[in-house]
Amino acid sequence: MLRGKARLNVEWLGYSPGLLLEHKPLQAGRAQRSPRGNESSLASTLKTLLFFTALMITAPIGLYFTTKSYLFEGAFGMSNRDSYFYAAIVAVVAVHVVLALFVYVAWNEGSRQWREGKQD
């Protein structure tokens, strides 16, 4: 039987092998959690991660070349050397924006799942 911190970590992950953990009877009026809830949560998390991964790759690169060609060299008439510099700044800002959005979405998704689990 696991005790202390190891037991909490195993229970938190939702993994409960019959030989390692003692089984507690369900409290009256509480329904048993279905494993489908964990699967949909995992799928949602994976979709969020894949979306932000694609956004992290495409947004800075796309903004770099777009702002360099059309905005800085085209509209502002900057030299090739200056447009590289300012387009790189735009790409770095885009990376930070995508990271901030990912942290915001992950934080809200985690707190929503925590609230739903707490209400069960």
PDB file of N, CA and C in Angstrom:
ATOM      1  N   MET A   1       0.851  -1.181   0.000  1.00  0.00           N
ATOM      2  CA  MET A   1       0.000   0.000   0.000  1.00  0.00           C
ATOM      3  C   MET A   1       0.890   1.234   0.000  1.00  0.00           C
ATOM      4  N   LEU A   2       0.539   2.200  -0.854  1.00  0.00           N
ATOM      5  CA  LEU A   2       1.286   3.449  -0.909  1.00  0.00           C
ATOM      6  C   LEU A   2       0.840   4.377   0.203  1.00  0.00           C
ATOM      7  N   ARG A   3       1.758   5.134   0.730  1.00  0.00           N
ATOM      8  CA  ARG A   3       1.430   6.063   1.799  1.00  0.00           C
ATOM      9  C   ARG A   3       1.967   7.439   1.451  1.00  0.00           C
ATOM     10  N   GLY A   4       1.361   8.445   2.035  1.00  0.00           N
ATOM     11  CA  GLY A   4       1.876   9.808   1.948  1.00  0.00           C
ATOM     12  C   GLY A   4       1.847  10.396   0.552  1.00  0.00           C
ATOM     13  N   LYS A   5       2.942  11.028   0.191  1.00  0.00           N
ATOM     14  CA  LYS A   5       3.023  11.781  -1.051  1.00  0.00           C
ATOM     15  C   LYS A   5       2.859  10.889  -2.284  1.00  0.00           C
ATOM     16  N   ALA A   6       3.430   9.688  -2.268  1.00  0.00           N
ATOM     17  CA  ALA A   6       3.315   8.792  -3.414  1.00  0.00           C
ATOM     18  C   ALA A   6       1.859   8.418  -3.656  1.00  0.00           C
ATOM     19  N   ARG A   7       1.112   8.199  -2.588  1.00  0.00           N
ATOM     20  CA  ARG A   7      -0.295   7.847  -2.734  1.00  0.00           C
ATOM     21  C   ARG A   7      -1.076   9.015  -3.327  1.00  0.00           C
ATOM     22  N   LEU A   8      -0.801  10.225  -2.862  1.00  0.00           N
ATOM     23  CA  LEU A   8      -1.504  11.390  -3.389  1.00  0.00           C
ATOM     24  C   LEU A   8      -1.206  11.591  -4.868  1.00  0.00           C
ATOM     25  N   ASN A   9       0.044  11.406  -5.264  1.00  0.00           N
ATOM     26  CA  ASN A   9       0.401  11.577  -6.665  1.00  0.00           C
ATOM     27  C   ASN A   9      -0.296  10.559  -7.549  1.00  0.00           C
ATOM     28  N   VAL A  10      -0.369   9.316  -7.108  1.00  0.00           N
ATOM     29  CA  VAL A  10      -1.020   8.280  -7.892  1.00  0.00           C
ATOM     30  C   VAL A  10      -2.512   8.557  -7.978  1.00  0.00           C
ATOM     31  N   GLU A  11      -3.132   8.954  -6.869  1.00  0.00           N
ATOM     32  CA  GLU A  11      -4.560   9.247  -6.897  1.00  0.00           C
ATOM     33  C   GLU A  11      -4.859  10.471  -7.734  1.00  0.00           C
ATOM     34  N   TRP A  12      -3.968  11.485  -7.689  1.00  0.00           N
ATOM     35  CA  TRP A  12      -4.182  12.698  -8.462  1.00  0.00           C
ATOM     36  C   TRP A  12      -4.149  12.403  -9.948  1.00  0.00           C
ATOM     37  N   LEU A  13      -3.308  11.474 -10.367  1.00  0.00           N
ATOM     38  CA  LEU A  13      -3.230  11.117 -11.780  1.00  0.00           C
ATOM     39  C   LEU A  13      -4.427  10.289 -12.222  1.00  0.00           C
ATOM     40  N   GLY A  14      -5.243   9.845 -11.302  1.00  0.00           N
ATOM     41  CA  GLY A  14      -6.422   9.065 -11.650  1.00  0.00           C
ATOM     42  C   GLY A  14      -6.113   7.597 -11.834  1.00  0.00           C
ATOM     43  N   TYR A  15      -4.927   7.176 -11.459  1.00  0.00           N
ATOM     44  CA  TYR A  15      -4.511   5.792 -11.625  1.00  0.00           C
ATOM     45  C   TYR A  15      -4.637   5.101 -10.284  1.00  0.00           C
ATOM     46  N   SER A  16      -5.421   4.067 -10.253  1.00  0.00           N
ATOM     47  CA  SER A  16      -5.658   3.405  -8.982  1.00  0.00           C
ATOM     48  C   SER A  16      -5.583   1.890  -9.178  1.00  0.00           C
ATOM     49  N   PRO A  17      -4.376   1.324  -9.210  1.00  0.00           N
ATOM     50  CA  PRO A  17      -4.285  -0.130  -9.348  1.00  0.00           C
ATOM     51  C   PRO A  17      -4.818  -0.817  -8.101  1.00  0.00           C
ATOM     52  N   GLY A  18      -5.527  -1.884  -8.299  1.00  0.00           N
ATOM     53  CA  GLY A  18      -6.189  -2.558  -7.190  1.00  0.00           C
ATOM     54  C   GLY A  18      -5.245  -3.107  -6.142  1.00  0.00           C
ATOM     55  N   LEU A  19      -4.056  -3.515  -6.517  1.00  0.00           N
ATOM     56  CA  LEU A  19      -3.150  -4.100  -5.552  1.00  0.00           C
ATOM     57  C   LEU A  19      -2.414  -3.070  -4.714  1.00  0.00           C
ATOM     58  N   LEU A  20      -2.283  -1.853  -5.240  1.00  0.00           N
ATOM     59  CA  LEU A  20      -1.494  -0.861  -4.527  1.00  0.00           C
ATOM     60  C   LEU A  20      -2.315   0.017  -3.582  1.00  0.00           C
ATOM     61  N   LEU A  21      -3.507   0.333  -3.961  1.00  0.00           N
ATOM     62  CA  LEU A  21      -4.317   1.250  -3.156  1.00  0.00           C
ATOM     63  C   LEU A  21      -5.503   0.520  -2.550  1.00  0.00           C
ATOM     64  N   GLU A  22      -5.845   0.920  -1.373  1.00  0.00           N
ATOM     65  CA  GLU A  22      -7.027   0.356  -0.752  1.00  0.00           C
ATOM     66  C   GLU A  22      -8.262   0.959  -1.405  1.00  0.00           C
ATOM     67  N   HIS A  23      -9.283   0.158  -1.555  1.00  0.00           N
ATOM     68  CA  HIS A  23     -10.506   0.630  -2.183  1.00  0.00           C
ATOM     69  C   HIS A  23     -11.454   1.138  -1.110  1.00  0.00           C
ATOM     70  N   LYS A  24     -11.962   2.338  -1.323  1.00  0.00           N
ATOM     71  CA  LYS A  24     -12.916   2.909  -0.381  1.00  0.00           C
ATOM     72  C   LYS A  24     -14.303   2.826  -1.007  1.00  0.00           C
ATOM     73  N   PRO A  25     -15.299   2.470  -0.230  1.00  0.00           N
ATOM     74  CA  PRO A  25     -16.650   2.448  -0.794  1.00  0.00           C
ATOM     75  C   PRO A  25     -17.112   3.863  -1.132  1.00  0.00           C
ATOM     76  N   LEU A  26     -17.964   3.959  -2.152  1.00  0.00           N
ATOM     77  CA  LEU A  26     -18.483   5.262  -2.559  1.00  0.00           C
ATOM     78  C   LEU A  26     -19.380   5.827  -1.473  1.00  0.00           C
ATOM     79  N   GLN A  27     -19.312   7.124  -1.303  1.00  0.00           N
ATOM     80  CA  GLN A  27     -20.197   7.764  -0.343  1.00  0.00           C
ATOM     81  C   GLN A  27     -21.615   7.758  -0.900  1.00  0.00           C
ATOM     82  N   ALA A  28     -22.576   7.784  -0.006  1.00  0.00           N
ATOM     83  CA  ALA A  28     -23.967   7.760  -0.432  1.00  0.00           C
ATOM     84  C   ALA A  28     -24.276   9.012  -1.248  1.00  0.00           C
ATOM     85  N   GLY A  29     -24.928   8.831  -2.378  1.00  0.00           N
ATOM     86  CA  GLY A  29     -25.326   9.961  -3.204  1.00  0.00           C
ATOM     87  C   GLY A  29     -24.248  10.434  -4.173  1.00  0.00           C
ATOM     88  N   ARG A  30     -23.101   9.798  -4.180  1.00  0.00           N
ATOM     89  CA  ARG A  30     -22.027  10.186  -5.111  1.00  0.00           C
ATOM     90  C   ARG A  30     -21.932   9.152  -6.211  1.00  0.00           C
ATOM     91  N   ALA A  31     -21.918   9.631  -7.418  1.00  0.00           N
ATOM     92  CA  ALA A  31     -21.769   8.730  -8.556  1.00  0.00           C
ATOM     93  C   ALA A  31     -20.288   8.514  -8.828  1.00  0.00           C
ATOM     94  N   GLN A  32     -19.983   7.332  -9.331  1.00  0.00           N
ATOM     95  CA  GLN A  32     -18.598   7.040  -9.663  1.00  0.00           C
ATOM     96  C   GLN A  32     -18.214   7.798 -10.920  1.00  0.00           C
ATOM     97  N   ARG A  33     -16.991   8.349 -10.943  1.00  0.00           N
ATOM     98  CA  ARG A  33     -16.523   9.068 -12.119  1.00  0.00           C
ATOM     99  C   ARG A  33     -16.287   8.099 -13.264  1.00  0.00           C
ATOM    100  N   SER A  34     -16.682   8.520 -14.434  1.00  0.00           N
ATOM    101  CA  SER A  34     -16.455   7.666 -15.590  1.00  0.00           C
ATOM    102  C   SER A  34     -15.099   7.983 -16.200  1.00  0.00           C
ATOM    103  N   PRO A  35     -14.436   6.989 -16.765  1.00  0.00           N
ATOM    104  CA  PRO A  35     -13.155   7.261 -17.412  1.00  0.00           C
ATOM    105  C   PRO A  35     -13.321   8.112 -18.665  1.00  0.00           C
ATOM    106  N   ARG A  36     -14.505   8.244 -19.191  1.00  0.00           N
ATOM    107  CA  ARG A  36     -14.746   9.083 -20.372  1.00  0.00           C
ATOM    108  C   ARG A  36     -14.467  10.548 -20.071  1.00  0.00           C
ATOM    109  N   GLY A  37     -14.713  10.991 -18.849  1.00  0.00           N
ATOM    110  CA  GLY A  37     -14.431  12.373 -18.474  1.00  0.00           C
ATOM    111  C   GLY A  37     -12.954  12.686 -18.588  1.00  0.00           C
ATOM    112  N   ASN A  38     -12.106  11.759 -18.177  1.00  0.00           N
ATOM    113  CA  ASN A  38     -10.671  11.955 -18.290  1.00  0.00           C
ATOM    114  C   ASN A  38     -10.220  11.950 -19.741  1.00  0.00           C
ATOM    115  N   GLU A  39     -10.837  11.097 -20.571  1.00  0.00           N
ATOM    116  CA  GLU A  39     -10.458  11.030 -21.979  1.00  0.00           C
ATOM    117  C   GLU A  39     -10.832  12.316 -22.704  1.00  0.00           C
ATOM    118  N   SER A  40     -12.014  12.866 -22.434  1.00  0.00           N
ATOM    119  CA  SER A  40     -12.407  14.100 -23.103  1.00  0.00           C
ATOM    120  C   SER A  40     -11.551  15.265 -22.624  1.00  0.00           C
ATOM    121  N   SER A  41     -11.165  15.240 -21.359  1.00  0.00           N
ATOM    122  CA  SER A  41     -10.283  16.270 -20.834  1.00  0.00           C
ATOM    123  C   SER A  41      -8.909  16.179 -21.490  1.00  0.00           C
ATOM    124  N   LEU A  42      -8.409  14.975 -21.663  1.00  0.00           N
ATOM    125  CA  LEU A  42      -7.121  14.772 -22.306  1.00  0.00           C
ATOM    126  C   LEU A  42      -7.179  15.197 -23.767  1.00  0.00           C
ATOM    127  N   ALA A  43      -8.263  14.870 -24.459  1.00  0.00           N
ATOM    128  CA  ALA A  43      -8.414  15.267 -25.861  1.00  0.00           C
ATOM    129  C   ALA A  43      -8.485  16.781 -25.989  1.00  0.00           C
ATOM    130  N   SER A  44      -9.196  17.422 -25.095  1.00  0.00           N
ATOM    131  CA  SER A  44      -9.288  18.876 -25.109  1.00  0.00           C
ATOM    132  C   SER A  44      -7.927  19.516 -24.863  1.00  0.00           C
ATOM    133  N   THR A  45      -7.188  18.978 -23.918  1.00  0.00           N
ATOM    134  CA  THR A  45      -5.854  19.500 -23.614  1.00  0.00           C
ATOM    135  C   THR A  45      -4.916  19.303 -24.794  1.00  0.00           C
ATOM    136  N   LEU A  46      -4.997  18.149 -25.430  1.00  0.00           N
ATOM    137  CA  LEU A  46      -4.142  17.868 -26.579  1.00  0.00           C
ATOM    138  C   LEU A  46      -4.473  18.785 -27.758  1.00  0.00           C
ATOM    139  N   LYS A  47      -5.761  19.031 -27.985  1.00  0.00           N
ATOM    140  CA  LYS A  47      -6.160  19.953 -29.053  1.00  0.00           C
ATOM    141  C   LYS A  47      -5.635  21.359 -28.791  1.00  0.00           C
ATOM    142  N   THR A  48      -5.728  21.800 -27.545  1.00  0.00           N
ATOM    143  CA  THR A  48      -5.219  23.126 -27.182  1.00  0.00           C
ATOM    144  C   THR A  48      -3.719  23.201 -27.405  1.00  0.00           C
ATOM    145  N   LEU A  49      -3.007  22.168 -26.987  1.00  0.00           N
ATOM    146  CA  LEU A  49      -1.556  22.151 -27.158  1.00  0.00           C
ATOM    147  C   LEU A  49      -1.163  22.147 -28.629  1.00  0.00           C
ATOM    148  N   LEU A  50      -1.831  21.349 -29.436  1.00  0.00           N
ATOM    149  CA  LEU A  50      -1.519  21.302 -30.868  1.00  0.00           C
ATOM    150  C   LEU A  50      -1.852  22.620 -31.562  1.00  0.00           C
ATOM    151  N   PHE A  51      -2.949  23.245 -31.168  1.00  0.00           N
ATOM    152  CA  PHE A  51      -3.316  24.531 -31.751  1.00  0.00           C
ATOM    153  C   PHE A  51      -2.244  25.580 -31.464  1.00  0.00           C
ATOM    154  N   PHE A  52      -1.825  25.673 -30.215  1.00  0.00           N
ATOM    155  CA  PHE A  52      -0.829  26.681 -29.867  1.00  0.00           C
ATOM    156  C   PHE A  52       0.557  26.331 -30.409  1.00  0.00           C
ATOM    157  N   THR A  53       0.846  25.050 -30.610  1.00  0.00           N
ATOM    158  CA  THR A  53       2.097  24.673 -31.257  1.00  0.00           C
ATOM    159  C   THR A  53       2.119  25.159 -32.692  1.00  0.00           C
ATOM    160  N   ALA A  54       1.027  24.927 -33.414  1.00  0.00           N
ATOM    161  CA  ALA A  54       0.941  25.404 -34.792  1.00  0.00           C
ATOM    162  C   ALA A  54       0.981  26.928 -34.849  1.00  0.00           C
ATOM    163  N   LEU A  55       0.308  27.569 -33.919  1.00  0.00           N
ATOM    164  CA  LEU A  55       0.316  29.030 -33.870  1.00  0.00           C
ATOM    165  C   LEU A  55       1.707  29.566 -33.553  1.00  0.00           C
ATOM    166  N   MET A  56       2.434  28.879 -32.687  1.00  0.00           N
ATOM    167  CA  MET A  56       3.791  29.308 -32.324  1.00  0.00           C
ATOM    168  C   MET A  56       4.745  29.195 -33.510  1.00  0.00           C
ATOM    169  N   ILE A  57       4.498  28.250 -34.387  1.00  0.00           N
ATOM    170  CA  ILE A  57       5.356  28.089 -35.566  1.00  0.00           C
ATOM    171  C   ILE A  57       4.967  29.076 -36.660  1.00  0.00           C
ATOM    172  N   THR A  58       3.687  29.187 -36.948  1.00  0.00           N
ATOM    173  CA  THR A  58       3.256  29.964 -38.106  1.00  0.00           C
ATOM    174  C   THR A  58       3.175  31.468 -37.864  1.00  0.00           C
ATOM    175  N   ALA A  59       2.712  31.881 -36.702  1.00  0.00           N
ATOM    176  CA  ALA A  59       2.497  33.316 -36.467  1.00  0.00           C
ATOM    177  C   ALA A  59       3.783  34.138 -36.520  1.00  0.00           C
ATOM    178  N   PRO A  60       4.827  33.789 -35.782  1.00  0.00           N
ATOM    179  CA  PRO A  60       6.034  34.618 -35.853  1.00  0.00           C
ATOM    180  C   PRO A  60       6.701  34.604 -37.234  1.00  0.00           C
ATOM    181  N   ILE A  61       6.760  33.431 -37.858  1.00  0.00           N
ATOM    182  CA  ILE A  61       7.396  33.349 -39.179  1.00  0.00           C
ATOM    183  C   ILE A  61       6.578  34.113 -40.205  1.00  0.00           C
ATOM    184  N   GLY A  62       5.271  33.913 -40.185  1.00  0.00           N
ATOM    185  CA  GLY A  62       4.409  34.629 -41.123  1.00  0.00           C
ATOM    186  C   GLY A  62       4.458  36.134 -40.920  1.00  0.00           C
ATOM    187  N   LEU A  63       4.398  36.561 -39.670  1.00  0.00           N
ATOM    188  CA  LEU A  63       4.471  37.998 -39.398  1.00  0.00           C
ATOM    189  C   LEU A  63       5.832  38.582 -39.766  1.00  0.00           C
ATOM    190  N   TYR A  64       6.890  37.818 -39.566  1.00  0.00           N
ATOM    191  CA  TYR A  64       8.223  38.305 -39.921  1.00  0.00           C
ATOM    192  C   TYR A  64       8.293  38.637 -41.410  1.00  0.00           C
ATOM    193  N   PHE A  65       7.956  37.678 -42.244  1.00  0.00           N
ATOM    194  CA  PHE A  65       8.078  37.895 -43.688  1.00  0.00           C
ATOM    195  C   PHE A  65       7.039  38.884 -44.208  1.00  0.00           C
ATOM    196  N   THR A  66       5.846  38.851 -43.650  1.00  0.00           N
ATOM    197  CA  THR A  66       4.802  39.779 -44.094  1.00  0.00           C
ATOM    198  C   THR A  66       5.160  41.222 -43.750  1.00  0.00           C
ATOM    199  N   THR A  67       5.552  41.463 -42.509  1.00  0.00           N
ATOM    200  CA  THR A  67       5.872  42.835 -42.130  1.00  0.00           C
ATOM    201  C   THR A  67       7.147  43.320 -42.812  1.00  0.00           C
ATOM    202  N   LYS A  68       8.102  42.432 -43.022  1.00  0.00           N
ATOM    203  CA  LYS A  68       9.340  42.825 -43.691  1.00  0.00           C
ATOM    204  C   LYS A  68       9.059  43.260 -45.122  1.00  0.00           C
ATOM    205  N   SER A  69       8.321  42.449 -45.854  1.00  0.00           N
ATOM    206  CA  SER A  69       8.093  42.734 -47.275  1.00  0.00           C
ATOM    207  C   SER A  69       7.083  43.851 -47.500  1.00  0.00           C
ATOM    208  N   TYR A  70       5.925  43.723 -46.872  1.00  0.00           N
ATOM    209  CA  TYR A  70       4.835  44.633 -47.196  1.00  0.00           C
ATOM    210  C   TYR A  70       4.813  45.902 -46.345  1.00  0.00           C
ATOM    211  N   LEU A  71       5.102  45.782 -45.073  1.00  0.00           N
ATOM    212  CA  LEU A  71       4.977  46.940 -44.197  1.00  0.00           C
ATOM    213  C   LEU A  71       6.252  47.789 -44.190  1.00  0.00           C
ATOM    214  N   PHE A  72       7.350  47.178 -43.806  1.00  0.00           N
ATOM    215  CA  PHE A  72       8.566  47.983 -43.616  1.00  0.00           C
ATOM    216  C   PHE A  72       9.238  48.367 -44.934  1.00  0.00           C
ATOM    217  N   GLU A  73       9.398  47.414 -45.864  1.00  0.00           N
ATOM    218  CA  GLU A  73      10.016  47.757 -47.148  1.00  0.00           C
ATOM    219  C   GLU A  73       9.018  48.393 -48.101  1.00  0.00           C
ATOM    220  N   GLY A  74       7.772  47.911 -48.089  1.00  0.00           N
ATOM    221  CA  GLY A  74       6.769  48.410 -49.025  1.00  0.00           C
ATOM    222  C   GLY A  74       6.161  49.735 -48.612  1.00  0.00           C
ATOM    223  N   ALA A  75       5.506  49.760 -47.470  1.00  0.00           N
ATOM    224  CA  ALA A  75       4.779  50.957 -47.049  1.00  0.00           C
ATOM    225  C   ALA A  75       5.705  52.038 -46.483  1.00  0.00           C
ATOM    226  N   PHE A  76       6.679  51.628 -45.672  1.00  0.00           N
ATOM    227  CA  PHE A  76       7.554  52.613 -45.040  1.00  0.00           C
ATOM    228  C   PHE A  76       8.801  52.918 -45.850  1.00  0.00           C
ATOM    229  N   GLY A  77       9.107  52.112 -46.840  1.00  0.00           N
ATOM    230  CA  GLY A  77      10.261  52.345 -47.690  1.00  0.00           C
ATOM    231  C   GLY A  77      11.596  52.205 -46.978  1.00  0.00           C
ATOM    232  N   MET A  78      11.690  51.343 -45.987  1.00  0.00           N
ATOM    233  CA  MET A  78      12.940  51.156 -45.242  1.00  0.00           C
ATOM    234  C   MET A  78      13.936  50.336 -46.055  1.00  0.00           C
ATOM    235  N   SER A  79      15.190  50.430 -45.676  1.00  0.00           N
ATOM    236  CA  SER A  79      16.219  49.633 -46.343  1.00  0.00           C
ATOM    237  C   SER A  79      16.069  48.171 -45.929  1.00  0.00           C
ATOM    238  N   ASN A  80      16.758  47.308 -46.670  1.00  0.00           N
ATOM    239  CA  ASN A  80      16.687  45.876 -46.409  1.00  0.00           C
ATOM    240  C   ASN A  80      17.203  45.557 -45.003  1.00  0.00           C
ATOM    241  N   ARG A  81      18.276  46.206 -44.607  1.00  0.00           N
ATOM    242  CA  ARG A  81      18.884  45.956 -43.292  1.00  0.00           C
ATOM    243  C   ARG A  81      17.954  46.411 -42.157  1.00  0.00           C
ATOM    244  N   ASP A  82      17.348  47.571 -42.284  1.00  0.00           N
ATOM    245  CA  ASP A  82      16.435  48.057 -41.246  1.00  0.00           C
ATOM    246  C   ASP A  82      15.170  47.213 -41.162  1.00  0.00           C
ATOM    247  N   SER A  83      14.678  46.773 -42.304  1.00  0.00           N
ATOM    248  CA  SER A  83      13.446  45.972 -42.286  1.00  0.00           C
ATOM    249  C   SER A  83      13.673  44.631 -41.593  1.00  0.00           C
ATOM    250  N   TYR A  84      14.867  44.045 -41.725  1.00  0.00           N
ATOM    251  CA  TYR A  84      15.172  42.808 -40.998  1.00  0.00           C
ATOM    252  C   TYR A  84      15.056  43.025 -39.491  1.00  0.00           C
ATOM    253  N   PHE A  85      15.608  44.110 -39.027  1.00  0.00           N
ATOM    254  CA  PHE A  85      15.632  44.415 -37.602  1.00  0.00           C
ATOM    255  C   PHE A  85      14.217  44.581 -37.038  1.00  0.00           C
ATOM    256  N   TYR A  86      13.424  45.412 -37.691  1.00  0.00           N
ATOM    257  CA  TYR A  86      12.076  45.679 -37.178  1.00  0.00           C
ATOM    258  C   TYR A  86      11.138  44.483 -37.349  1.00  0.00           C
ATOM    259  N   ALA A  87      11.325  43.724 -38.417  1.00  0.00           N
ATOM    260  CA  ALA A  87      10.504  42.523 -38.603  1.00  0.00           C
ATOM    261  C   ALA A  87      10.839  41.481 -37.534  1.00  0.00           C
ATOM    262  N   ALA A  88      12.099  41.406 -37.132  1.00  0.00           N
ATOM    263  CA  ALA A  88      12.484  40.477 -36.062  1.00  0.00           C
ATOM    264  C   ALA A  88      11.836  40.886 -34.741  1.00  0.00           C
ATOM    265  N   ILE A  89      11.755  42.187 -34.500  1.00  0.00           N
ATOM    266  CA  ILE A  89      11.085  42.657 -33.275  1.00  0.00           C
ATOM    267  C   ILE A  89       9.609  42.257 -33.292  1.00  0.00           C
ATOM    268  N   VAL A  90       8.958  42.398 -34.435  1.00  0.00           N
ATOM    269  CA  VAL A  90       7.551  41.991 -34.557  1.00  0.00           C
ATOM    270  C   VAL A  90       7.407  40.488 -34.302  1.00  0.00           C
ATOM    271  N   ALA A  91       8.330  39.672 -34.810  1.00  0.00           N
ATOM    272  CA  ALA A  91       8.261  38.223 -34.601  1.00  0.00           C
ATOM    273  C   ALA A  91       8.450  37.867 -33.126  1.00  0.00           C
ATOM    274  N   VAL A  92       9.360  38.543 -32.449  1.00  0.00           N
ATOM    275  CA  VAL A  92       9.581  38.273 -31.027  1.00  0.00           C
ATOM    276  C   VAL A  92       8.354  38.669 -30.207  1.00  0.00           C
ATOM    277  N   VAL A  93       7.745  39.781 -30.542  1.00  0.00           N
ATOM    278  CA  VAL A  93       6.511  40.192 -29.852  1.00  0.00           C
ATOM    279  C   VAL A  93       5.409  39.167 -30.104  1.00  0.00           C
ATOM    280  N   ALA A  94       5.327  38.636 -31.322  1.00  0.00           N
ATOM    281  CA  ALA A  94       4.318  37.616 -31.636  1.00  0.00           C
ATOM    282  C   ALA A  94       4.531  36.361 -30.802  1.00  0.00           C
ATOM    283  N   VAL A  95       5.794  35.953 -30.617  1.00  0.00           N
ATOM    284  CA  VAL A  95       6.081  34.785 -29.776  1.00  0.00           C
ATOM    285  C   VAL A  95       5.590  35.026 -28.357  1.00  0.00           C
ATOM    286  N   HIS A  96       5.853  36.201 -27.827  1.00  0.00           N
ATOM    287  CA  HIS A  96       5.414  36.499 -26.462  1.00  0.00           C
ATOM    288  C   HIS A  96       3.894  36.545 -26.343  1.00  0.00           C
ATOM    289  N   VAL A  97       3.224  37.058 -27.353  1.00  0.00           N
ATOM    290  CA  VAL A  97       1.755  37.096 -27.334  1.00  0.00           C
ATOM    291  C   VAL A  97       1.187  35.683 -27.365  1.00  0.00           C
ATOM    292  N   VAL A  98       1.739  34.824 -28.215  1.00  0.00           N
ATOM    293  CA  VAL A  98       1.252  33.441 -28.298  1.00  0.00           C
ATOM    294  C   VAL A  98       1.495  32.720 -26.971  1.00  0.00           C
ATOM    295  N   LEU A  99       2.658  32.918 -26.369  1.00  0.00           N
ATOM    296  CA  LEU A  99       2.931  32.288 -25.078  1.00  0.00           C
ATOM    297  C   LEU A  99       1.974  32.785 -23.993  1.00  0.00           C
ATOM    298  N   ALA A 100       1.711  34.075 -23.977  1.00  0.00           N
ATOM    299  CA  ALA A 100       0.782  34.628 -22.986  1.00  0.00           C
ATOM    300  C   ALA A 100      -0.625  34.075 -23.193  1.00  0.00           C
ATOM    301  N   LEU A 101      -1.057  33.958 -24.427  1.00  0.00           N
ATOM    302  CA  LEU A 101      -2.372  33.379 -24.704  1.00  0.00           C
ATOM    303  C   LEU A 101      -2.444  31.921 -24.280  1.00  0.00           C
ATOM    304  N   PHE A 102      -1.369  31.179 -24.536  1.00  0.00           N
ATOM    305  CA  PHE A 102      -1.351  29.777 -24.132  1.00  0.00           C
ATOM    306  C   PHE A 102      -1.455  29.644 -22.611  1.00  0.00           C
ATOM    307  N   VAL A 103      -0.705  30.440 -21.888  1.00  0.00           N
ATOM    308  CA  VAL A 103      -0.761  30.382 -20.425  1.00  0.00           C
ATOM    309  C   VAL A 103      -2.157  30.750 -19.935  1.00  0.00           C
ATOM    310  N   TYR A 104      -2.762  31.765 -20.531  1.00  0.00           N
ATOM    311  CA  TYR A 104      -4.112  32.181 -20.134  1.00  0.00           C
ATOM    312  C   TYR A 104      -5.127  31.061 -20.380  1.00  0.00           C
ATOM    313  N   VAL A 105      -5.082  30.467 -21.572  1.00  0.00           N
ATOM    314  CA  VAL A 105      -6.043  29.402 -21.906  1.00  0.00           C
ATOM    315  C   VAL A 105      -5.805  28.175 -21.027  1.00  0.00           C
ATOM    316  N   ALA A 106      -4.536  27.808 -20.821  1.00  0.00           N
ATOM    317  CA  ALA A 106      -4.231  26.636 -19.987  1.00  0.00           C
ATOM    318  C   ALA A 106      -4.660  26.872 -18.541  1.00  0.00           C
ATOM    319  N   TRP A 107      -4.454  28.072 -18.045  1.00  0.00           N
ATOM    320  CA  TRP A 107      -4.853  28.389 -16.668  1.00  0.00           C
ATOM    321  C   TRP A 107      -6.368  28.283 -16.507  1.00  0.00           C
ATOM    322  N   ASN A 108      -7.102  28.844 -17.447  1.00  0.00           N
ATOM    323  CA  ASN A 108      -8.568  28.796 -17.356  1.00  0.00           C
ATOM    324  C   ASN A 108      -9.088  27.387 -17.563  1.00  0.00           C
ATOM    325  N   GLU A 109      -8.484  26.622 -18.452  1.00  0.00           N
ATOM    326  CA  GLU A 109      -8.921  25.250 -18.676  1.00  0.00           C
ATOM    327  C   GLU A 109      -8.667  24.405 -17.431  1.00  0.00           C
ATOM    328  N   GLY A 110      -7.525  24.597 -16.805  1.00  0.00           N
ATOM    329  CA  GLY A 110      -7.213  23.847 -15.587  1.00  0.00           C
ATOM    330  C   GLY A 110      -8.130  24.206 -14.442  1.00  0.00           C
ATOM    331  N   SER A 111      -8.440  25.489 -14.283  1.00  0.00           N
ATOM    332  CA  SER A 111      -9.328  25.880 -13.191  1.00  0.00           C
ATOM    333  C   SER A 111     -10.755  25.424 -13.459  1.00  0.00           C
ATOM    334  N   ARG A 112     -11.157  25.385 -14.738  1.00  0.00           N
ATOM    335  CA  ARG A 112     -12.495  24.887 -15.063  1.00  0.00           C
ATOM    336  C   ARG A 112     -12.595  23.406 -14.742  1.00  0.00           C
ATOM    337  N   GLN A 113     -11.577  22.632 -15.115  1.00  0.00           N
ATOM    338  CA  GLN A 113     -11.594  21.206 -14.811  1.00  0.00           C
ATOM    339  C   GLN A 113     -11.554  20.967 -13.314  1.00  0.00           C
ATOM    340  N   TRP A 114     -10.815  21.803 -12.592  1.00  0.00           N
ATOM    341  CA  TRP A 114     -10.744  21.662 -11.145  1.00  0.00           C
ATOM    342  C   TRP A 114     -12.109  21.930 -10.528  1.00  0.00           C
ATOM    343  N   ARG A 115     -12.807  22.974 -11.015  1.00  0.00           N
ATOM    344  CA  ARG A 115     -14.143  23.291 -10.485  1.00  0.00           C
ATOM    345  C   ARG A 115     -15.126  22.174 -10.791  1.00  0.00           C
ATOM    346  N   GLU A 116     -15.072  21.613 -12.011  1.00  0.00           N
ATOM    347  CA  GLU A 116     -15.977  20.526 -12.363  1.00  0.00           C
ATOM    348  C   GLU A 116     -15.699  19.300 -11.509  1.00  0.00           C
ATOM    349  N   GLY A 117     -14.450  19.008 -11.257  1.00  0.00           N
ATOM    350  CA  GLY A 117     -14.102  17.871 -10.405  1.00  0.00           C
ATOM    351  C   GLY A 117     -14.506  18.096  -8.978  1.00  0.00           C
ATOM    352  N   LYS A 118     -14.450  19.311  -8.512  1.00  0.00           N
ATOM    353  CA  LYS A 118     -14.816  19.657  -7.131  1.00  0.00           C
ATOM    354  C   LYS A 118     -16.327  19.522  -6.929  1.00  0.00           C
ATOM    355  N   GLN A 119     -17.118  19.790  -7.972  1.00  0.00           N
ATOM    356  CA  GLN A 119     -18.572  19.730  -7.852  1.00  0.00           C
ATOM    357  C   GLN A 119     -19.099  18.301  -7.889  1.00  0.00           C
ATOM    358  N   ASP A 120     -18.287  17.362  -8.410  1.00  0.00           N
ATOM    359  CA  ASP A 120     -18.752  15.961  -8.485  1.00  0.00           C
ATOM    360  C   ASP A 120     -19.030  15.393  -7.134  1.00  0.00           C
TER     361      ASP A 120
END
